[in-house]
PDB file of N, CA and C in Angstrom:
ATOM      1  N   MET A   1      -8.762  -3.978 -25.750  1.00  0.00           N
ATOM      2  CA  MET A   1      -7.358  -4.147 -25.607  1.00  0.00           C
ATOM      3  C   MET A   1      -6.476  -2.855 -25.255  1.00  0.00           C
ATOM      4  N   LEU A   2      -6.809  -1.840 -25.863  1.00  0.00           N
ATOM      5  CA  LEU A   2      -6.122  -0.543 -25.642  1.00  0.00           C
ATOM      6  C   LEU A   2      -6.292  -0.034 -24.002  1.00  0.00           C
ATOM      7  N   LYS A   3      -7.709  -0.548 -23.544  1.00  0.00           N
ATOM      8  CA  LYS A   3      -7.705   0.137 -22.147  1.00  0.00           C
ATOM      9  C   LYS A   3      -6.932  -0.932 -21.211  1.00  0.00           C
ATOM     10  N   PHE A   4      -6.763  -2.206 -21.624  1.00  0.00           N
ATOM     11  CA  PHE A   4      -5.848  -2.976 -20.807  1.00  0.00           C
ATOM     12  C   PHE A   4      -4.417  -2.768 -20.888  1.00  0.00           C
ATOM     13  N   SER A   5      -4.017  -2.112 -22.149  1.00  0.00           N
ATOM     14  CA  SER A   5      -2.475  -1.681 -22.428  1.00  0.00           C
ATOM     15  C   SER A   5      -2.287  -0.543 -21.535  1.00  0.00           C
ATOM     16  N   ILE A   6      -3.319   0.381 -21.544  1.00  0.00           N
ATOM     17  CA  ILE A   6      -3.146   1.655 -20.721  1.00  0.00           C
ATOM     18  C   ILE A   6      -3.057   1.311 -19.180  1.00  0.00           C
ATOM     19  N   PHE A   7      -3.842   0.306 -18.818  1.00  0.00           N
ATOM     20  CA  PHE A   7      -3.783  -0.203 -17.413  1.00  0.00           C
ATOM     21  C   PHE A   7      -2.405  -0.702 -17.102  1.00  0.00           C
ATOM     22  N   VAL A   8      -1.840  -1.387 -18.014  1.00  0.00           N
ATOM     23  CA  VAL A   8      -0.332  -2.032 -17.813  1.00  0.00           C
ATOM     24  C   VAL A   8       0.617  -1.025 -17.722  1.00  0.00           C
ATOM     25  N   LEU A   9       0.593   0.092 -18.454  1.00  0.00           N
ATOM     26  CA  LEU A   9       1.473   1.217 -18.590  1.00  0.00           C
ATOM     27  C   LEU A   9       1.374   1.959 -17.478  1.00  0.00           C
ATOM     28  N   LEU A  10       0.223   2.191 -16.950  1.00  0.00           N
ATOM     29  CA  LEU A  10      -0.045   2.888 -15.571  1.00  0.00           C
ATOM     30  C   LEU A  10       0.664   2.286 -14.499  1.00  0.00           C
ATOM     31  N   ALA A  11       0.488   0.868 -14.491  1.00  0.00           N
ATOM     32  CA  ALA A  11       1.187   0.124 -13.420  1.00  0.00           C
ATOM     33  C   ALA A  11       2.530   0.136 -13.529  1.00  0.00           C
ATOM     34  N   CYS A  12       3.206   0.014 -14.580  1.00  0.00           N
ATOM     35  CA  CYS A  12       4.570   0.209 -14.867  1.00  0.00           C
ATOM     36  C   CYS A  12       5.182   1.472 -14.414  1.00  0.00           C
ATOM     37  N   GLY A  13       4.247   2.619 -14.674  1.00  0.00           N
ATOM     38  CA  GLY A  13       4.729   3.943 -14.390  1.00  0.00           C
ATOM     39  C   GLY A  13       4.696   3.929 -12.783  1.00  0.00           C
ATOM     40  N   ALA A  14       3.799   3.331 -12.152  1.00  0.00           N
ATOM     41  CA  ALA A  14       3.549   3.260 -10.698  1.00  0.00           C
ATOM     42  C   ALA A  14       4.850   2.690 -10.072  1.00  0.00           C
ATOM     43  N   VAL A  15       5.197   1.577 -10.583  1.00  0.00           N
ATOM     44  CA  VAL A  15       6.339   0.764 -10.261  1.00  0.00           C
ATOM     45  C   VAL A  15       7.708   1.623 -10.452  1.00  0.00           C
ATOM     46  N   MET A  16       7.803   2.219 -11.488  1.00  0.00           N
ATOM     47  CA  MET A  16       9.007   3.092 -11.763  1.00  0.00           C
ATOM     48  C   MET A  16       9.069   4.241 -10.957  1.00  0.00           C
ATOM     49  N   LEU A  17       8.002   4.993 -10.585  1.00  0.00           N
ATOM     50  CA  LEU A  17       7.962   5.928  -9.649  1.00  0.00           C
ATOM     51  C   LEU A  17       8.256   5.468  -8.150  1.00  0.00           C
ATOM     52  N   PHE A  18       7.906   4.384  -7.895  1.00  0.00           N
ATOM     53  CA  PHE A  18       8.215   3.894  -6.686  1.00  0.00           C
ATOM     54  C   PHE A  18       9.899   3.517  -6.685  1.00  0.00           C
ATOM     55  N   ARG A  19      10.474   3.089  -7.715  1.00  0.00           N
ATOM     56  CA  ARG A  19      11.824   2.585  -7.880  1.00  0.00           C
ATOM     57  C   ARG A  19      12.516   3.884  -7.987  1.00  0.00           C
ATOM     58  N   ILE A  20      12.133   5.178  -8.462  1.00  0.00           N
ATOM     59  CA  ILE A  20      12.898   6.185  -8.310  1.00  0.00           C
ATOM     60  C   ILE A  20      13.079   6.850  -6.944  1.00  0.00           C
ATOM     61  N   VAL A  21      12.087   6.456  -6.097  1.00  0.00           N
ATOM     62  CA  VAL A  21      12.060   7.061  -4.679  1.00  0.00           C
ATOM     63  C   VAL A  21      12.845   6.163  -3.825  1.00  0.00           C
ATOM     64  N   SER A  22      12.899   4.883  -4.148  1.00  0.00           N
ATOM     65  CA  SER A  22      13.367   3.939  -3.209  1.00  0.00           C
ATOM     66  C   SER A  22      14.877   3.544  -3.744  1.00  0.00           C
ATOM     67  N   ALA A  23      15.317   3.802  -4.910  1.00  0.00           N
ATOM     68  CA  ALA A  23      16.518   3.142  -5.377  1.00  0.00           C
ATOM     69  C   ALA A  23      17.737   3.864  -4.569  1.00  0.00           C
ATOM     70  N   ARG A  24      18.949   3.032  -4.410  1.00  0.00           N
ATOM     71  CA  ARG A  24      19.831   3.586  -3.589  1.00  0.00           C
ATOM     72  C   ARG A  24      21.009   4.190  -4.335  1.00  0.00           C
ATOM     73  N   SER A  25      21.128   3.817  -5.562  1.00  0.00           N
ATOM     74  CA  SER A  25      22.209   4.595  -6.246  1.00  0.00           C
ATOM     75  C   SER A  25      21.627   5.562  -7.203  1.00  0.00           C
ATOM     76  N   VAL A  26      22.421   6.537  -7.727  1.00  0.00           N
ATOM     77  CA  VAL A  26      21.949   7.499  -8.711  1.00  0.00           C
ATOM     78  C   VAL A  26      21.856   6.816  -9.994  1.00  0.00           C
ATOM     79  N   TYR A  27      22.508   5.767 -10.273  1.00  0.00           N
ATOM     80  CA  TYR A  27      22.359   5.201 -11.676  1.00  0.00           C
ATOM     81  C   TYR A  27      21.027   4.533 -11.894  1.00  0.00           C
ATOM     82  N   ASP A  28      20.677   3.738 -10.716  1.00  0.00           N
ATOM     83  CA  ASP A  28      19.391   3.111 -10.743  1.00  0.00           C
ATOM     84  C   ASP A  28      18.223   4.145 -10.837  1.00  0.00           C
ATOM     85  N   ARG A  29      18.355   5.483 -10.306  1.00  0.00           N
ATOM     86  CA  ARG A  29      17.323   6.091 -10.366  1.00  0.00           C
ATOM     87  C   ARG A  29      17.315   6.817 -11.795  1.00  0.00           C
ATOM     88  N   ILE A  30      18.418   7.077 -12.379  1.00  0.00           N
ATOM     89  CA  ILE A  30      18.248   7.544 -13.901  1.00  0.00           C
ATOM     90  C   ILE A  30      17.849   6.545 -14.772  1.00  0.00           C
ATOM     91  N   LEU A  31      17.981   5.204 -14.589  1.00  0.00           N
ATOM     92  CA  LEU A  31      17.460   4.123 -15.347  1.00  0.00           C
ATOM     93  C   LEU A  31      15.996   4.149 -15.187  1.00  0.00           C
ATOM     94  N   ALA A  32      15.595   4.208 -13.894  1.00  0.00           N
ATOM     95  CA  ALA A  32      14.150   4.165 -13.492  1.00  0.00           C
ATOM     96  C   ALA A  32      13.391   5.386 -14.374  1.00  0.00           C
ATOM     97  N   VAL A  33      14.044   6.641 -14.209  1.00  0.00           N
ATOM     98  CA  VAL A  33      13.554   7.805 -15.018  1.00  0.00           C
ATOM     99  C   VAL A  33      13.252   7.715 -16.248  1.00  0.00           C
ATOM    100  N   ASN A  34      14.412   6.907 -17.038  1.00  0.00           N
ATOM    101  CA  ASN A  34      14.303   6.596 -18.497  1.00  0.00           C
ATOM    102  C   ASN A  34      13.307   5.666 -18.869  1.00  0.00           C
ATOM    103  N   VAL A  35      13.061   4.549 -18.050  1.00  0.00           N
ATOM    104  CA  VAL A  35      11.992   3.586 -18.177  1.00  0.00           C
ATOM    105  C   VAL A  35      10.667   4.460 -17.963  1.00  0.00           C
ATOM    106  N   PHE A  36      10.484   5.147 -16.912  1.00  0.00           N
ATOM    107  CA  PHE A  36       9.341   5.809 -16.824  1.00  0.00           C
ATOM    108  C   PHE A  36       9.011   6.978 -18.117  1.00  0.00           C
ATOM    109  N   SER A  37       9.981   7.503 -18.498  1.00  0.00           N
ATOM    110  CA  SER A  37       9.755   8.336 -19.662  1.00  0.00           C
ATOM    111  C   SER A  37       9.211   7.544 -21.046  1.00  0.00           C
ATOM    112  N   THR A  38       9.918   6.380 -21.051  1.00  0.00           N
ATOM    113  CA  THR A  38       9.357   5.506 -22.179  1.00  0.00           C
ATOM    114  C   THR A  38       7.855   5.058 -21.926  1.00  0.00           C
ATOM    115  N   CYS A  39       7.539   4.878 -20.819  1.00  0.00           N
ATOM    116  CA  CYS A  39       6.199   4.479 -20.344  1.00  0.00           C
ATOM    117  C   CYS A  39       5.267   5.572 -20.796  1.00  0.00           C
ATOM    118  N   VAL A  40       5.587   6.781 -20.372  1.00  0.00           N
ATOM    119  CA  VAL A  40       4.879   7.959 -20.705  1.00  0.00           C
ATOM    120  C   VAL A  40       4.592   8.144 -22.181  1.00  0.00           C
ATOM    121  N   VAL A  41       5.786   7.968 -22.972  1.00  0.00           N
ATOM    122  CA  VAL A  41       5.777   8.171 -24.463  1.00  0.00           C
ATOM    123  C   VAL A  41       4.676   7.124 -24.997  1.00  0.00           C
ATOM    124  N   MET A  42       4.733   5.914 -24.424  1.00  0.00           N
ATOM    125  CA  MET A  42       3.798   4.673 -25.062  1.00  0.00           C
ATOM    126  C   MET A  42       2.356   5.276 -24.550  1.00  0.00           C
ATOM    127  N   LEU A  43       2.273   5.586 -23.478  1.00  0.00           N
ATOM    128  CA  LEU A  43       0.753   6.145 -22.889  1.00  0.00           C
ATOM    129  C   LEU A  43       0.292   7.300 -23.678  1.00  0.00           C
ATOM    130  N   ILE A  44       1.050   8.104 -24.153  1.00  0.00           N
ATOM    131  CA  ILE A  44       0.535   9.208 -24.934  1.00  0.00           C
ATOM    132  C   ILE A  44       0.274   8.672 -26.386  1.00  0.00           C
ATOM    133  N   MET A  45       1.042   7.892 -26.891  1.00  0.00           N
ATOM    134  CA  MET A  45       0.455   7.064 -28.167  1.00  0.00           C
ATOM    135  C   MET A  45      -0.614   6.372 -28.064  1.00  0.00           C
ATOM    136  N   LEU A  46      -0.916   5.762 -26.975  1.00  0.00           N
ATOM    137  CA  LEU A  46      -2.162   4.911 -26.926  1.00  0.00           C
ATOM    138  C   LEU A  46      -3.361   5.715 -26.568  1.00  0.00           C
ATOM    139  N   LEU A  47      -3.239   6.954 -25.858  1.00  0.00           N
ATOM    140  CA  LEU A  47      -4.258   7.816 -25.748  1.00  0.00           C
ATOM    141  C   LEU A  47      -4.799   8.444 -27.056  1.00  0.00           C
ATOM    142  N   GLY A  48      -3.697   8.666 -27.623  1.00  0.00           N
ATOM    143  CA  GLY A  48      -3.914   9.404 -29.095  1.00  0.00           C
ATOM    144  C   GLY A  48      -4.771   8.251 -29.923  1.00  0.00           C
ATOM    145  N   ALA A  49      -4.328   7.105 -29.711  1.00  0.00           N
ATOM    146  CA  ALA A  49      -4.991   6.165 -30.585  1.00  0.00           C
ATOM    147  C   ALA A  49      -6.489   5.770 -30.250  1.00  0.00           C
ATOM    148  N   MET A  50      -6.781   6.249 -28.863  1.00  0.00           N
ATOM    149  CA  MET A  50      -8.090   5.964 -28.367  1.00  0.00           C
ATOM    150  C   MET A  50      -9.004   7.076 -28.807  1.00  0.00           C
ATOM    151  N   GLY A  51      -8.341   8.136 -28.833  1.00  0.00           N
ATOM    152  CA  GLY A  51      -8.975   9.580 -28.994  1.00  0.00           C
ATOM    153  C   GLY A  51      -9.235   9.946 -30.456  1.00  0.00           C
ATOM    154  N   GLY A  52      -8.355   9.214 -31.368  1.00  0.00           N
ATOM    155  CA  GLY A  52      -8.607   9.482 -32.794  1.00  0.00           C
ATOM    156  C   GLY A  52      -7.654  10.709 -33.257  1.00  0.00           C
ATOM    157  N   ALA A  53      -7.070  11.254 -32.452  1.00  0.00           N
ATOM    158  CA  ALA A  53      -6.137  12.434 -32.931  1.00  0.00           C
ATOM    159  C   ALA A  53      -4.671  12.097 -32.896  1.00  0.00           C
ATOM    160  N   VAL A  54      -4.431  10.871 -33.637  1.00  0.00           N
ATOM    161  CA  VAL A  54      -3.094  10.252 -33.607  1.00  0.00           C
ATOM    162  C   VAL A  54      -1.979  11.245 -33.986  1.00  0.00           C
ATOM    163  N   GLU A  55      -2.262  12.160 -35.031  1.00  0.00           N
ATOM    164  CA  GLU A  55      -1.293  12.878 -35.636  1.00  0.00           C
ATOM    165  C   GLU A  55      -0.718  13.889 -34.505  1.00  0.00           C
ATOM    166  N   LEU A  56      -1.555  14.585 -33.728  1.00  0.00           N
ATOM    167  CA  LEU A  56      -1.160  15.522 -32.693  1.00  0.00           C
ATOM    168  C   LEU A  56      -0.317  14.672 -31.636  1.00  0.00           C
ATOM    169  N   PHE A  57      -0.737  13.548 -31.356  1.00  0.00           N
ATOM    170  CA  PHE A  57      -0.232  12.833 -30.132  1.00  0.00           C
ATOM    171  C   PHE A  57       1.241  12.285 -30.623  1.00  0.00           C
ATOM    172  N   ILE A  58       1.342  11.878 -31.832  1.00  0.00           N
ATOM    173  CA  ILE A  58       2.529  11.321 -32.238  1.00  0.00           C
ATOM    174  C   ILE A  58       3.722  12.461 -32.209  1.00  0.00           C
ATOM    175  N   ASP A  59       3.371  13.653 -32.665  1.00  0.00           N
ATOM    176  CA  ASP A  59       4.381  14.811 -32.528  1.00  0.00           C
ATOM    177  C   ASP A  59       4.614  14.923 -31.036  1.00  0.00           C
ATOM    178  N   VAL A  60       3.666  15.148 -30.199  1.00  0.00           N
ATOM    179  CA  VAL A  60       3.871  15.195 -28.680  1.00  0.00           C
ATOM    180  C   VAL A  60       4.888  14.159 -28.130  1.00  0.00           C
ATOM    181  N   SER A  61       4.458  12.937 -28.422  1.00  0.00           N
ATOM    182  CA  SER A  61       5.233  11.746 -27.956  1.00  0.00           C
ATOM    183  C   SER A  61       6.616  11.814 -28.481  1.00  0.00           C
ATOM    184  N   LEU A  62       6.801  12.156 -29.656  1.00  0.00           N
ATOM    185  CA  LEU A  62       8.151  12.218 -30.185  1.00  0.00           C
ATOM    186  C   LEU A  62       9.106  13.248 -29.533  1.00  0.00           C
ATOM    187  N   MET A  63       8.381  14.480 -29.284  1.00  0.00           N
ATOM    188  CA  MET A  63       9.174  15.484 -28.644  1.00  0.00           C
ATOM    189  C   MET A  63       9.393  15.162 -27.191  1.00  0.00           C
ATOM    190  N   TYR A  64       8.592  14.523 -26.526  1.00  0.00           N
ATOM    191  CA  TYR A  64       8.803  13.975 -25.329  1.00  0.00           C
ATOM    192  C   TYR A  64       9.846  13.009 -25.169  1.00  0.00           C
ATOM    193  N   ALA A  65      10.111  12.113 -26.067  1.00  0.00           N
ATOM    194  CA  ALA A  65      11.119  11.112 -26.189  1.00  0.00           C
ATOM    195  C   ALA A  65      12.404  11.815 -26.478  1.00  0.00           C
ATOM    196  N   CYS A  66      12.325  12.760 -27.344  1.00  0.00           N
ATOM    197  CA  CYS A  66      13.721  13.506 -27.549  1.00  0.00           C
ATOM    198  C   CYS A  66      14.083  14.228 -26.282  1.00  0.00           C
ATOM    199  N   VAL A  67      13.247  14.825 -25.563  1.00  0.00           N
ATOM    200  CA  VAL A  67      13.564  15.382 -24.381  1.00  0.00           C
ATOM    201  C   VAL A  67      14.223  14.371 -23.361  1.00  0.00           C
ATOM    202  N   GLY A  68      13.465  13.298 -23.245  1.00  0.00           N
ATOM    203  CA  GLY A  68      13.989  12.310 -22.402  1.00  0.00           C
ATOM    204  C   GLY A  68      15.328  11.667 -22.740  1.00  0.00           C
ATOM    205  N   LEU A  69      15.565  11.559 -24.056  1.00  0.00           N
ATOM    206  CA  LEU A  69      16.932  11.031 -24.459  1.00  0.00           C
ATOM    207  C   LEU A  69      17.971  11.993 -23.995  1.00  0.00           C
ATOM    208  N   VAL A  70      17.744  13.419 -24.269  1.00  0.00           N
ATOM    209  CA  VAL A  70      18.838  14.430 -23.988  1.00  0.00           C
ATOM    210  C   VAL A  70      19.007  14.554 -22.583  1.00  0.00           C
ATOM    211  N   ALA A  71      17.924  14.519 -21.694  1.00  0.00           N
ATOM    212  CA  ALA A  71      18.098  14.444 -20.254  1.00  0.00           C
ATOM    213  C   ALA A  71      18.891  13.120 -19.709  1.00  0.00           C
ATOM    214  N   ALA A  72      18.568  11.983 -20.251  1.00  0.00           N
ATOM    215  CA  ALA A  72      19.362  10.699 -19.790  1.00  0.00           C
ATOM    216  C   ALA A  72      20.837  10.840 -20.392  1.00  0.00           C
ATOM    217  N   VAL A  73      21.205  11.542 -21.412  1.00  0.00           N
ATOM    218  CA  VAL A  73      22.493  11.615 -21.848  1.00  0.00           C
ATOM    219  C   VAL A  73      23.235  12.765 -21.050  1.00  0.00           C
ATOM    220  N   GLY A  74      22.681  13.788 -20.705  1.00  0.00           N
ATOM    221  CA  GLY A  74      23.006  14.919 -19.827  1.00  0.00           C
ATOM    222  C   GLY A  74      23.373  14.356 -18.480  1.00  0.00           C
ATOM    223  N   PHE A  75      22.256  13.785 -17.781  1.00  0.00           N
ATOM    224  CA  PHE A  75      22.706  13.108 -16.430  1.00  0.00           C
ATOM    225  C   PHE A  75      23.752  12.146 -16.486  1.00  0.00           C
ATOM    226  N   ALA A  76      23.837  11.223 -17.569  1.00  0.00           N
ATOM    227  CA  ALA A  76      24.959  10.464 -17.600  1.00  0.00           C
ATOM    228  C   ALA A  76      26.291  11.092 -17.570  1.00  0.00           C
ATOM    229  N   ARG A  77      26.271  12.102 -18.287  1.00  0.00           N
ATOM    230  CA  ARG A  77      27.616  12.762 -18.557  1.00  0.00           C
ATOM    231  C   ARG A  77      27.794  13.587 -17.340  1.00  0.00           C
ATOM    232  N   PHE A  78      26.991  14.180 -16.639  1.00  0.00           N
ATOM    233  CA  PHE A  78      27.010  14.768 -15.205  1.00  0.00           C
ATOM    234  C   PHE A  78      27.626  13.970 -14.275  1.00  0.00           C
ATOM    235  N   PHE A  79      27.180  12.657 -14.143  1.00  0.00           N
ATOM    236  CA  PHE A  79      27.570  11.844 -12.956  1.00  0.00           C
ATOM    237  C   PHE A  79      28.976  11.115 -13.489  1.00  0.00           C
ATOM    238  N   LEU A  80      29.112  11.031 -14.778  1.00  0.00           N
ATOM    239  CA  LEU A  80      30.384  10.374 -15.289  1.00  0.00           C
ATOM    240  C   LEU A  80      31.572  11.058 -14.955  1.00  0.00           C
ATOM    241  N   TYR A  81      31.458  12.363 -15.131  1.00  0.00           N
ATOM    242  CA  TYR A  81      32.536  13.334 -14.895  1.00  0.00           C
ATOM    243  C   TYR A  81      32.499  14.125 -13.447  1.00  0.00           C
ATOM    244  N   ASN A  82      31.642  13.597 -12.768  1.00  0.00           N
ATOM    245  CA  ASN A  82      31.509  14.215 -11.398  1.00  0.00           C
ATOM    246  C   ASN A  82      31.208  15.842 -11.196  1.00  0.00           C
ATOM    247  N   GLY A  83      30.299  16.119 -12.246  1.00  0.00           N
ATOM    248  CA  GLY A  83      30.073  17.622 -12.389  1.00  0.00           C
ATOM    249  C   GLY A  83      30.257  17.973 -13.740  1.00  0.00           C
ATOM    250  N   TRP A  84      29.893  19.366 -13.960  1.00  0.00           N
ATOM    251  CA  TRP A  84      30.196  19.893 -15.325  1.00  0.00           C
ATOM    252  C   TRP A  84      31.519  20.163 -15.653  1.00  0.00           C
ATOM    253  N   ARG A  85      31.892  20.102 -16.983  1.00  0.00           N
ATOM    254  CA  ARG A  85      33.318  20.475 -17.397  1.00  0.00           C
ATOM    255  C   ARG A  85      33.203  21.690 -18.133  1.00  0.00           C
TER     256      ARG A  85
END
């Protein structure tokens, strides 16, 4: 079941990479990057569950999720105000 979940997450990541490249608006690209980041976090957690080193992978995935959140907020603020203030 874990292998199937990893396959689904890889497929979701591939679709999001295609969406990042083919999106017309910046907002669609930001949303696709955010979804891709979420897929990567879940993929890291599943790989940790398969490998048995869950404690290490939880820390890595939480840090990646925090960086993704800060990046999404930063991009949203940048494009909301048309540049840095």
